[in-house]
Amino acid sequence: MEKNNRKIVTTRKSGATLQLIVGALLTLVFGVTALTASFDNVEDGAGLVLTFYILTALSIKMIISSRQKKELNNKVESYVARLVKEPYGSIDKLAASMGTSSDAVKKDLQELIKKKYFGTAYIDEIKNRIVLFPDSDKEDYFVEENKPEQKVAYAAISCKNCGGINKVIAGGVHECDYCGSPIES
């Protein structure tokens, strides 16, 4: 994968925590400043007070956004754990294992695909499944023919560092397509 993709995955992993910390600090600074300025007897200070209240509100919005990102990351981890075992994941089976409806799973997967959490994956509407590796010809264990009498087995491996799903040749050590960490199949 390109270096930009590695940077994006790494940023997503730590972004929610960093955003929460920065949001909390900014909320504290702007909030205290806004309250202090509210009780000062400075003439023509209303604009400054209003500015600090707006900055406090934006900082609170940053905290709320970080929580939403954390929830999204938890969803990704949940789906990855299930999809690693069955890369051509039936949406109905995913829904049953998660205790939710197929429509909810499909909506979640479409959101995660749109946000590039699953690379080039797509939803196969006909078979009602998610296809993680569209370039694979076979469904069972990603067996492809390189030579007429020789087959190579591929496996879907979840990176322990970034959680990315990688298509690798079974047996051996490889590099994660997303963050570059070593992974074993």
N, C-alpha and C. Protein backbone atom coordinates (compact mmCIF):
# COMPACT_ATOMS: atom_id res chain seq x y z
N MET A 1 0.84 -1.19 0.00
CA MET A 1 0.00 0.00 0.00
C MET A 1 0.87 1.24 0.00
N GLU A 2 0.30 2.32 -0.36
CA GLU A 2 1.04 3.57 -0.41
C GLU A 2 1.32 4.07 1.00
N LYS A 3 2.36 4.93 1.10
CA LYS A 3 2.71 5.49 2.41
C LYS A 3 1.58 6.33 2.96
N ASN A 4 0.81 6.99 2.10
CA ASN A 4 -0.33 7.79 2.57
C ASN A 4 -1.35 6.92 3.29
N ASN A 5 -1.62 5.72 2.77
CA ASN A 5 -2.57 4.82 3.42
C ASN A 5 -2.08 4.41 4.80
N ARG A 6 -0.77 4.16 4.92
CA ARG A 6 -0.21 3.79 6.23
C ARG A 6 -0.39 4.94 7.21
N LYS A 7 -0.16 6.14 6.74
CA LYS A 7 -0.29 7.31 7.60
C LYS A 7 -1.74 7.50 8.04
N ILE A 8 -2.68 7.27 7.13
CA ILE A 8 -4.11 7.43 7.45
C ILE A 8 -4.53 6.42 8.52
N VAL A 9 -4.11 5.16 8.37
CA VAL A 9 -4.49 4.13 9.35
C VAL A 9 -3.91 4.46 10.71
N THR A 10 -2.64 4.87 10.75
CA THR A 10 -2.02 5.22 12.02
C THR A 10 -2.71 6.40 12.66
N THR A 11 -3.08 7.38 11.86
CA THR A 11 -3.76 8.57 12.37
C THR A 11 -5.13 8.20 12.93
N ARG A 12 -5.86 7.33 12.26
CA ARG A 12 -7.18 6.93 12.75
C ARG A 12 -7.09 6.22 14.08
N LYS A 13 -6.04 5.44 14.24
CA LYS A 13 -5.89 4.65 15.47
C LYS A 13 -5.72 5.54 16.69
N SER A 14 -4.90 6.57 16.57
CA SER A 14 -4.62 7.43 17.74
C SER A 14 -5.38 8.75 17.71
N GLY A 15 -6.05 9.03 16.61
CA GLY A 15 -6.73 10.31 16.47
C GLY A 15 -7.81 10.60 17.48
N ALA A 16 -8.60 9.60 17.80
CA ALA A 16 -9.72 9.82 18.74
C ALA A 16 -9.22 10.18 20.13
N THR A 17 -8.17 9.50 20.58
CA THR A 17 -7.62 9.79 21.91
C THR A 17 -7.00 11.18 21.94
N LEU A 18 -6.23 11.51 20.93
CA LEU A 18 -5.60 12.83 20.86
C LEU A 18 -6.66 13.93 20.80
N GLN A 19 -7.69 13.70 20.02
CA GLN A 19 -8.77 14.69 19.89
C GLN A 19 -9.48 14.89 21.23
N LEU A 20 -9.68 13.82 21.98
CA LEU A 20 -10.32 13.91 23.29
C LEU A 20 -9.47 14.74 24.25
N ILE A 21 -8.17 14.48 24.27
CA ILE A 21 -7.28 15.21 25.17
C ILE A 21 -7.23 16.69 24.81
N VAL A 22 -7.04 16.98 23.53
CA VAL A 22 -6.98 18.38 23.09
C VAL A 22 -8.31 19.08 23.35
N GLY A 23 -9.42 18.41 23.06
CA GLY A 23 -10.74 18.99 23.31
C GLY A 23 -10.98 19.30 24.77
N ALA A 24 -10.56 18.38 25.64
CA ALA A 24 -10.74 18.60 27.08
C ALA A 24 -9.90 19.79 27.56
N LEU A 25 -8.66 19.85 27.10
CA LEU A 25 -7.79 20.97 27.51
C LEU A 25 -8.32 22.31 27.01
N LEU A 26 -8.75 22.34 25.73
CA LEU A 26 -9.29 23.58 25.18
C LEU A 26 -10.58 23.98 25.88
N THR A 27 -11.42 23.02 26.19
CA THR A 27 -12.66 23.31 26.90
C THR A 27 -12.36 23.92 28.27
N LEU A 28 -11.40 23.35 28.94
CA LEU A 28 -11.01 23.87 30.24
C LEU A 28 -10.48 25.31 30.14
N VAL A 29 -9.55 25.53 29.22
CA VAL A 29 -8.95 26.86 29.07
C VAL A 29 -9.99 27.89 28.63
N PHE A 30 -10.72 27.58 27.56
CA PHE A 30 -11.70 28.54 27.05
C PHE A 30 -12.87 28.73 28.01
N GLY A 31 -13.29 27.64 28.66
CA GLY A 31 -14.40 27.74 29.60
C GLY A 31 -14.08 28.61 30.80
N VAL A 32 -12.91 28.39 31.38
CA VAL A 32 -12.50 29.20 32.54
C VAL A 32 -12.32 30.66 32.12
N THR A 33 -11.71 30.86 30.95
CA THR A 33 -11.52 32.24 30.46
C THR A 33 -12.86 32.91 30.20
N ALA A 34 -13.81 32.18 29.61
CA ALA A 34 -15.13 32.75 29.33
C ALA A 34 -15.85 33.12 30.63
N LEU A 35 -15.79 32.23 31.61
CA LEU A 35 -16.45 32.52 32.89
C LEU A 35 -15.78 33.70 33.60
N THR A 36 -14.46 33.72 33.58
CA THR A 36 -13.74 34.83 34.21
C THR A 36 -14.07 36.15 33.53
N ALA A 37 -14.06 36.14 32.21
CA ALA A 37 -14.34 37.37 31.45
C ALA A 37 -15.79 37.80 31.64
N SER A 38 -16.68 36.86 31.90
CA SER A 38 -18.09 37.20 32.10
C SER A 38 -18.30 38.06 33.34
N PHE A 39 -17.48 37.83 34.34
CA PHE A 39 -17.66 38.55 35.60
C PHE A 39 -16.73 39.74 35.77
N ASP A 40 -15.89 40.00 34.78
CA ASP A 40 -15.06 41.20 34.81
C ASP A 40 -15.91 42.41 34.46
N ASN A 41 -15.58 43.52 35.02
CA ASN A 41 -16.33 44.76 34.75
C ASN A 41 -15.63 45.58 33.66
N VAL A 42 -15.27 44.92 32.59
CA VAL A 42 -14.60 45.60 31.49
C VAL A 42 -15.65 46.06 30.49
N GLU A 43 -15.57 47.33 30.12
CA GLU A 43 -16.52 47.84 29.13
C GLU A 43 -16.14 47.30 27.76
N ASP A 44 -17.12 47.12 26.92
CA ASP A 44 -16.93 46.61 25.56
C ASP A 44 -16.25 45.24 25.53
N GLY A 45 -16.44 44.43 26.56
CA GLY A 45 -15.85 43.10 26.62
C GLY A 45 -16.81 42.02 26.19
N ALA A 46 -18.01 42.39 25.77
CA ALA A 46 -19.02 41.40 25.39
C ALA A 46 -18.57 40.56 24.20
N GLY A 47 -17.91 41.19 23.25
CA GLY A 47 -17.43 40.46 22.07
C GLY A 47 -16.40 39.42 22.43
N LEU A 48 -15.51 39.76 23.35
CA LEU A 48 -14.48 38.84 23.81
C LEU A 48 -15.10 37.66 24.57
N VAL A 49 -16.06 37.97 25.43
CA VAL A 49 -16.75 36.93 26.21
C VAL A 49 -17.48 35.98 25.26
N LEU A 50 -18.18 36.55 24.29
CA LEU A 50 -18.90 35.73 23.31
C LEU A 50 -17.94 34.84 22.53
N THR A 51 -16.80 35.38 22.16
CA THR A 51 -15.79 34.60 21.44
C THR A 51 -15.33 33.40 22.27
N PHE A 52 -15.07 33.61 23.55
CA PHE A 52 -14.63 32.51 24.39
C PHE A 52 -15.73 31.47 24.61
N TYR A 53 -16.98 31.90 24.68
CA TYR A 53 -18.08 30.93 24.79
C TYR A 53 -18.20 30.11 23.51
N ILE A 54 -18.02 30.74 22.38
CA ILE A 54 -18.07 30.01 21.10
C ILE A 54 -16.91 29.01 21.02
N LEU A 55 -15.72 29.43 21.43
CA LEU A 55 -14.57 28.52 21.43
C LEU A 55 -14.78 27.36 22.41
N THR A 56 -15.42 27.63 23.53
CA THR A 56 -15.75 26.56 24.49
C THR A 56 -16.72 25.57 23.86
N ALA A 57 -17.74 26.08 23.18
CA ALA A 57 -18.71 25.20 22.52
C ALA A 57 -18.03 24.35 21.44
N LEU A 58 -17.11 24.94 20.68
CA LEU A 58 -16.40 24.18 19.65
C LEU A 58 -15.50 23.11 20.28
N SER A 59 -14.93 23.42 21.41
CA SER A 59 -14.10 22.43 22.12
C SER A 59 -14.95 21.27 22.63
N ILE A 60 -16.14 21.56 23.11
CA ILE A 60 -17.07 20.51 23.54
C ILE A 60 -17.47 19.65 22.35
N LYS A 61 -17.69 20.27 21.21
CA LYS A 61 -18.02 19.54 19.97
C LYS A 61 -16.86 18.60 19.62
N MET A 62 -15.63 19.04 19.84
CA MET A 62 -14.46 18.20 19.57
C MET A 62 -14.47 16.96 20.47
N ILE A 63 -14.85 17.12 21.72
CA ILE A 63 -14.93 15.99 22.65
C ILE A 63 -16.00 15.00 22.18
N ILE A 64 -17.15 15.52 21.80
CA ILE A 64 -18.25 14.66 21.33
C ILE A 64 -17.82 13.90 20.07
N SER A 65 -17.15 14.58 19.16
CA SER A 65 -16.66 13.95 17.93
C SER A 65 -15.65 12.84 18.24
N SER A 66 -14.79 13.06 19.22
CA SER A 66 -13.80 12.03 19.58
C SER A 66 -14.49 10.79 20.13
N ARG A 67 -15.56 10.97 20.87
CA ARG A 67 -16.31 9.82 21.39
C ARG A 67 -16.95 9.03 20.25
N GLN A 68 -17.47 9.75 19.25
CA GLN A 68 -18.06 9.08 18.09
C GLN A 68 -17.00 8.29 17.32
N LYS A 69 -15.80 8.85 17.19
CA LYS A 69 -14.72 8.14 16.52
C LYS A 69 -14.32 6.89 17.30
N LYS A 70 -14.31 7.00 18.62
CA LYS A 70 -13.97 5.85 19.44
C LYS A 70 -15.00 4.73 19.25
N GLU A 71 -16.28 5.09 19.22
CA GLU A 71 -17.33 4.10 18.99
C GLU A 71 -17.16 3.45 17.61
N LEU A 72 -16.81 4.25 16.60
CA LEU A 72 -16.60 3.73 15.26
C LEU A 72 -15.40 2.76 15.25
N ASN A 73 -14.33 3.13 15.94
CA ASN A 73 -13.17 2.24 16.02
C ASN A 73 -13.52 0.93 16.72
N ASN A 74 -14.37 0.98 17.74
CA ASN A 74 -14.81 -0.24 18.41
C ASN A 74 -15.62 -1.12 17.46
N LYS A 75 -16.46 -0.50 16.62
CA LYS A 75 -17.21 -1.26 15.61
C LYS A 75 -16.26 -1.94 14.65
N VAL A 76 -15.25 -1.20 14.21
CA VAL A 76 -14.27 -1.76 13.27
C VAL A 76 -13.61 -2.99 13.89
N GLU A 77 -13.16 -2.88 15.14
CA GLU A 77 -12.51 -4.00 15.81
C GLU A 77 -13.44 -5.20 15.90
N SER A 78 -14.70 -4.95 16.19
CA SER A 78 -15.68 -6.03 16.29
C SER A 78 -15.87 -6.74 14.95
N TYR A 79 -16.02 -5.97 13.89
CA TYR A 79 -16.18 -6.57 12.56
C TYR A 79 -14.91 -7.28 12.10
N VAL A 80 -13.76 -6.68 12.35
CA VAL A 80 -12.50 -7.29 11.93
C VAL A 80 -12.32 -8.64 12.60
N ALA A 81 -12.62 -8.72 13.89
CA ALA A 81 -12.49 -9.98 14.62
C ALA A 81 -13.34 -11.08 13.97
N ARG A 82 -14.50 -10.73 13.49
CA ARG A 82 -15.39 -11.72 12.87
C ARG A 82 -14.99 -11.99 11.41
N LEU A 83 -14.56 -10.96 10.71
CA LEU A 83 -14.25 -11.11 9.29
C LEU A 83 -12.93 -11.81 9.03
N VAL A 84 -12.02 -11.77 9.97
CA VAL A 84 -10.74 -12.46 9.80
C VAL A 84 -10.98 -13.96 9.68
N LYS A 85 -11.97 -14.46 10.42
CA LYS A 85 -12.29 -15.88 10.39
C LYS A 85 -13.01 -16.26 9.10
N GLU A 86 -13.77 -15.33 8.56
CA GLU A 86 -14.56 -15.60 7.35
C GLU A 86 -14.52 -14.36 6.46
N PRO A 87 -13.47 -14.21 5.64
CA PRO A 87 -13.30 -12.99 4.84
C PRO A 87 -14.43 -12.71 3.86
N TYR A 88 -15.12 -13.74 3.37
CA TYR A 88 -16.29 -13.52 2.53
C TYR A 88 -17.50 -13.59 3.44
N GLY A 89 -17.60 -12.61 4.34
CA GLY A 89 -18.57 -12.63 5.42
C GLY A 89 -20.00 -12.46 4.98
N SER A 90 -20.80 -13.44 5.31
CA SER A 90 -22.23 -13.35 5.08
C SER A 90 -22.79 -12.30 6.04
N ILE A 91 -23.53 -11.37 5.51
CA ILE A 91 -24.10 -10.31 6.34
C ILE A 91 -25.09 -10.90 7.34
N ASP A 92 -25.82 -11.92 6.93
CA ASP A 92 -26.76 -12.57 7.85
C ASP A 92 -26.02 -13.24 9.02
N LYS A 93 -24.88 -13.90 8.72
CA LYS A 93 -24.10 -14.54 9.79
C LYS A 93 -23.49 -13.49 10.71
N LEU A 94 -23.00 -12.41 10.13
CA LEU A 94 -22.45 -11.32 10.94
C LEU A 94 -23.51 -10.77 11.87
N ALA A 95 -24.70 -10.54 11.33
CA ALA A 95 -25.81 -9.99 12.12
C ALA A 95 -26.16 -10.93 13.28
N ALA A 96 -26.23 -12.23 12.97
CA ALA A 96 -26.56 -13.21 14.01
C ALA A 96 -25.49 -13.24 15.11
N SER A 97 -24.22 -13.17 14.71
CA SER A 97 -23.15 -13.23 15.70
C SER A 97 -23.07 -11.96 16.55
N MET A 98 -23.60 -10.86 16.03
CA MET A 98 -23.57 -9.59 16.75
C MET A 98 -24.88 -9.29 17.46
N GLY A 99 -25.88 -10.11 17.21
CA GLY A 99 -27.17 -9.91 17.86
C GLY A 99 -27.91 -8.68 17.36
N THR A 100 -27.80 -8.41 16.08
CA THR A 100 -28.47 -7.26 15.49
C THR A 100 -29.06 -7.64 14.14
N SER A 101 -29.71 -6.71 13.47
CA SER A 101 -30.36 -7.01 12.19
C SER A 101 -29.37 -6.95 11.04
N SER A 102 -29.71 -7.64 9.97
CA SER A 102 -28.88 -7.61 8.76
C SER A 102 -28.81 -6.20 8.18
N ASP A 103 -29.91 -5.47 8.27
CA ASP A 103 -29.91 -4.10 7.74
C ASP A 103 -28.94 -3.21 8.52
N ALA A 104 -28.88 -3.38 9.83
CA ALA A 104 -27.96 -2.59 10.66
C ALA A 104 -26.51 -2.92 10.32
N VAL A 105 -26.22 -4.21 10.14
CA VAL A 105 -24.86 -4.63 9.78
C VAL A 105 -24.49 -4.08 8.41
N LYS A 106 -25.41 -4.17 7.46
CA LYS A 106 -25.14 -3.68 6.11
C LYS A 106 -24.88 -2.17 6.14
N LYS A 107 -25.65 -1.45 6.91
CA LYS A 107 -25.47 0.00 7.03
C LYS A 107 -24.10 0.32 7.65
N ASP A 108 -23.75 -0.42 8.72
CA ASP A 108 -22.44 -0.23 9.35
C ASP A 108 -21.31 -0.50 8.37
N LEU A 109 -21.40 -1.63 7.67
CA LEU A 109 -20.34 -2.00 6.72
C LEU A 109 -20.21 -0.98 5.60
N GLN A 110 -21.34 -0.48 5.10
CA GLN A 110 -21.28 0.53 4.05
C GLN A 110 -20.60 1.80 4.55
N GLU A 111 -20.87 2.18 5.80
CA GLU A 111 -20.22 3.35 6.39
C GLU A 111 -18.71 3.12 6.52
N LEU A 112 -18.32 1.93 6.99
CA LEU A 112 -16.90 1.63 7.17
C LEU A 112 -16.17 1.53 5.83
N ILE A 113 -16.84 0.99 4.82
CA ILE A 113 -16.24 0.94 3.49
C ILE A 113 -16.08 2.35 2.93
N LYS A 114 -17.10 3.17 3.10
CA LYS A 114 -17.05 4.55 2.61
C LYS A 114 -15.90 5.32 3.27
N LYS A 115 -15.64 5.03 4.55
CA LYS A 115 -14.57 5.73 5.28
C LYS A 115 -13.23 5.03 5.10
N LYS A 116 -13.15 4.06 4.18
CA LYS A 116 -11.92 3.37 3.80
C LYS A 116 -11.29 2.52 4.90
N TYR A 117 -12.12 2.01 5.82
CA TYR A 117 -11.59 1.11 6.84
C TYR A 117 -11.30 -0.27 6.27
N PHE A 118 -11.97 -0.64 5.18
CA PHE A 118 -11.79 -1.96 4.59
C PHE A 118 -11.23 -1.89 3.18
N GLY A 119 -10.44 -0.88 2.89
CA GLY A 119 -9.77 -0.77 1.60
C GLY A 119 -10.72 -0.82 0.43
N THR A 120 -10.53 -1.82 -0.43
CA THR A 120 -11.33 -1.93 -1.66
C THR A 120 -12.52 -2.87 -1.50
N ALA A 121 -12.89 -3.17 -0.29
CA ALA A 121 -14.02 -4.08 -0.05
C ALA A 121 -15.31 -3.49 -0.60
N TYR A 122 -16.27 -4.37 -0.83
CA TYR A 122 -17.59 -3.93 -1.28
C TYR A 122 -18.64 -4.92 -0.79
N ILE A 123 -19.89 -4.49 -0.85
CA ILE A 123 -21.01 -5.35 -0.46
C ILE A 123 -21.54 -6.02 -1.73
N ASP A 124 -21.55 -7.34 -1.73
CA ASP A 124 -22.11 -8.12 -2.82
C ASP A 124 -23.60 -8.27 -2.51
N GLU A 125 -24.43 -7.47 -3.17
CA GLU A 125 -25.87 -7.45 -2.90
C GLU A 125 -26.55 -8.77 -3.28
N ILE A 126 -26.05 -9.42 -4.32
CA ILE A 126 -26.67 -10.67 -4.79
C ILE A 126 -26.51 -11.78 -3.77
N LYS A 127 -25.29 -11.93 -3.23
CA LYS A 127 -25.02 -12.98 -2.25
C LYS A 127 -25.14 -12.48 -0.81
N ASN A 128 -25.46 -11.22 -0.64
CA ASN A 128 -25.65 -10.59 0.67
C ASN A 128 -24.44 -10.85 1.58
N ARG A 129 -23.29 -10.36 1.12
CA ARG A 129 -22.05 -10.56 1.86
C ARG A 129 -21.11 -9.39 1.61
N ILE A 130 -20.08 -9.29 2.44
CA ILE A 130 -19.02 -8.32 2.20
C ILE A 130 -17.85 -9.07 1.58
N VAL A 131 -17.28 -8.50 0.54
CA VAL A 131 -16.12 -9.07 -0.14
C VAL A 131 -14.94 -8.16 0.19
N LEU A 132 -14.00 -8.68 0.97
CA LEU A 132 -12.86 -7.88 1.41
C LEU A 132 -11.78 -7.76 0.34
N PHE A 133 -11.59 -8.81 -0.44
CA PHE A 133 -10.55 -8.82 -1.45
C PHE A 133 -11.18 -9.07 -2.82
N PRO A 134 -11.64 -8.03 -3.49
CA PRO A 134 -12.37 -8.21 -4.75
C PRO A 134 -11.55 -8.87 -5.85
N ASP A 135 -10.22 -8.86 -5.75
CA ASP A 135 -9.42 -9.44 -6.81
C ASP A 135 -9.23 -10.95 -6.66
N SER A 136 -9.77 -11.55 -5.59
CA SER A 136 -9.64 -12.99 -5.37
C SER A 136 -10.68 -13.73 -6.20
N ASP A 137 -10.25 -14.80 -6.85
CA ASP A 137 -11.17 -15.57 -7.70
C ASP A 137 -11.97 -16.59 -6.90
N LYS A 138 -11.38 -17.13 -5.87
CA LYS A 138 -12.02 -18.20 -5.13
C LYS A 138 -12.41 -17.72 -3.75
N GLU A 139 -13.46 -18.26 -3.21
CA GLU A 139 -13.94 -17.85 -1.90
C GLU A 139 -13.26 -18.62 -0.77
N ASP A 140 -13.02 -19.88 -0.96
CA ASP A 140 -12.52 -20.72 0.13
C ASP A 140 -11.03 -20.55 0.31
N TYR A 141 -10.64 -19.86 1.38
CA TYR A 141 -9.25 -19.69 1.77
C TYR A 141 -8.42 -19.00 0.70
N PHE A 142 -9.03 -18.30 -0.20
CA PHE A 142 -8.34 -17.51 -1.20
C PHE A 142 -7.33 -18.33 -2.00
N VAL A 143 -7.77 -19.46 -2.52
CA VAL A 143 -6.89 -20.29 -3.33
C VAL A 143 -6.92 -19.77 -4.76
N GLU A 144 -5.74 -19.47 -5.28
CA GLU A 144 -5.63 -19.02 -6.67
C GLU A 144 -4.64 -19.92 -7.38
N GLU A 145 -4.80 -20.03 -8.68
CA GLU A 145 -3.88 -20.85 -9.45
C GLU A 145 -2.80 -19.98 -10.06
N ASN A 146 -1.53 -20.28 -9.74
CA ASN A 146 -0.41 -19.60 -10.35
C ASN A 146 0.09 -20.39 -11.55
N LYS A 147 0.11 -21.71 -11.39
CA LYS A 147 0.53 -22.62 -12.45
C LYS A 147 -0.54 -23.69 -12.55
N PRO A 148 -0.64 -24.37 -13.69
CA PRO A 148 -1.70 -25.36 -13.85
C PRO A 148 -1.76 -26.41 -12.74
N GLU A 149 -0.60 -26.89 -12.23
CA GLU A 149 -0.65 -27.93 -11.22
C GLU A 149 -0.31 -27.44 -9.81
N GLN A 150 -0.14 -26.12 -9.63
CA GLN A 150 0.26 -25.61 -8.33
C GLN A 150 -0.76 -24.58 -7.83
N LYS A 151 -1.14 -24.70 -6.57
CA LYS A 151 -2.08 -23.75 -5.98
C LYS A 151 -1.40 -23.05 -4.81
N VAL A 152 -1.76 -21.79 -4.61
CA VAL A 152 -1.22 -21.02 -3.50
C VAL A 152 -2.39 -20.66 -2.59
N ALA A 153 -2.24 -20.91 -1.30
CA ALA A 153 -3.31 -20.60 -0.34
C ALA A 153 -3.06 -19.22 0.26
N TYR A 154 -4.08 -18.41 0.26
CA TYR A 154 -4.01 -17.09 0.85
C TYR A 154 -4.84 -17.08 2.13
N ALA A 155 -4.50 -16.19 3.03
CA ALA A 155 -5.24 -16.05 4.29
C ALA A 155 -5.47 -14.58 4.58
N ALA A 156 -6.55 -14.29 5.27
CA ALA A 156 -6.84 -12.93 5.72
C ALA A 156 -6.35 -12.82 7.15
N ILE A 157 -5.39 -11.93 7.39
CA ILE A 157 -4.78 -11.79 8.70
C ILE A 157 -5.01 -10.37 9.20
N SER A 158 -5.41 -10.27 10.45
CA SER A 158 -5.61 -8.97 11.09
C SER A 158 -4.30 -8.54 11.73
N CYS A 159 -3.86 -7.34 11.43
CA CYS A 159 -2.63 -6.80 12.00
C CYS A 159 -2.85 -6.49 13.48
N LYS A 160 -1.93 -6.95 14.32
CA LYS A 160 -2.05 -6.71 15.76
C LYS A 160 -1.77 -5.25 16.11
N ASN A 161 -1.07 -4.54 15.24
CA ASN A 161 -0.73 -3.15 15.51
C ASN A 161 -1.87 -2.20 15.15
N CYS A 162 -2.35 -2.29 13.89
CA CYS A 162 -3.34 -1.30 13.43
C CYS A 162 -4.73 -1.89 13.21
N GLY A 163 -4.87 -3.23 13.19
CA GLY A 163 -6.17 -3.84 12.99
C GLY A 163 -6.55 -4.01 11.54
N GLY A 164 -5.68 -3.60 10.61
CA GLY A 164 -5.97 -3.73 9.19
C GLY A 164 -6.04 -5.18 8.76
N ILE A 165 -6.91 -5.48 7.79
CA ILE A 165 -7.04 -6.84 7.29
C ILE A 165 -6.16 -6.97 6.06
N ASN A 166 -5.26 -7.94 6.07
CA ASN A 166 -4.28 -8.13 5.01
C ASN A 166 -4.49 -9.46 4.33
N LYS A 167 -4.35 -9.49 3.01
CA LYS A 167 -4.40 -10.72 2.24
C LYS A 167 -2.94 -11.14 2.02
N VAL A 168 -2.57 -12.29 2.59
CA VAL A 168 -1.19 -12.76 2.51
C VAL A 168 -1.17 -14.23 2.11
N ILE A 169 -0.02 -14.66 1.60
CA ILE A 169 0.17 -16.08 1.30
C ILE A 169 0.31 -16.80 2.64
N ALA A 170 -0.44 -17.88 2.80
CA ALA A 170 -0.46 -18.62 4.06
C ALA A 170 0.93 -19.17 4.39
N GLY A 171 1.30 -19.06 5.66
CA GLY A 171 2.58 -19.58 6.12
C GLY A 171 3.72 -18.62 5.84
N GLY A 172 4.18 -17.95 6.83
CA GLY A 172 5.30 -17.03 6.65
C GLY A 172 5.06 -15.72 7.34
N VAL A 173 6.07 -14.87 7.26
CA VAL A 173 6.01 -13.54 7.85
C VAL A 173 5.88 -12.53 6.72
N HIS A 174 4.99 -11.58 6.90
CA HIS A 174 4.72 -10.57 5.87
C HIS A 174 4.69 -9.20 6.51
N GLU A 175 4.55 -8.18 5.68
CA GLU A 175 4.45 -6.81 6.17
C GLU A 175 3.02 -6.33 6.01
N CYS A 176 2.48 -5.70 7.04
CA CYS A 176 1.11 -5.16 6.99
C CYS A 176 1.03 -4.13 5.87
N ASP A 177 -0.01 -4.24 5.04
CA ASP A 177 -0.22 -3.30 3.93
C ASP A 177 -0.52 -1.89 4.41
N TYR A 178 -0.97 -1.75 5.65
CA TYR A 178 -1.43 -0.47 6.14
C TYR A 178 -0.39 0.27 6.99
N CYS A 179 0.26 -0.47 7.93
CA CYS A 179 1.18 0.23 8.84
C CYS A 179 2.62 -0.26 8.73
N GLY A 180 2.85 -1.35 7.98
CA GLY A 180 4.21 -1.84 7.79
C GLY A 180 4.72 -2.76 8.88
N SER A 181 3.91 -3.07 9.87
CA SER A 181 4.34 -3.97 10.95
C SER A 181 4.44 -5.40 10.43
N PRO A 182 5.33 -6.21 11.02
CA PRO A 182 5.41 -7.62 10.61
C PRO A 182 4.18 -8.37 11.09
N ILE A 183 3.65 -9.24 10.22
CA ILE A 183 2.51 -10.08 10.57
C ILE A 183 2.82 -11.51 10.15
N GLU A 184 2.32 -12.46 10.92
CA GLU A 184 2.52 -13.87 10.61
C GLU A 184 1.21 -14.50 10.18
N SER A 185 1.31 -15.39 9.19
CA SER A 185 0.09 -16.07 8.74
C SER A 185 0.15 -17.53 9.12
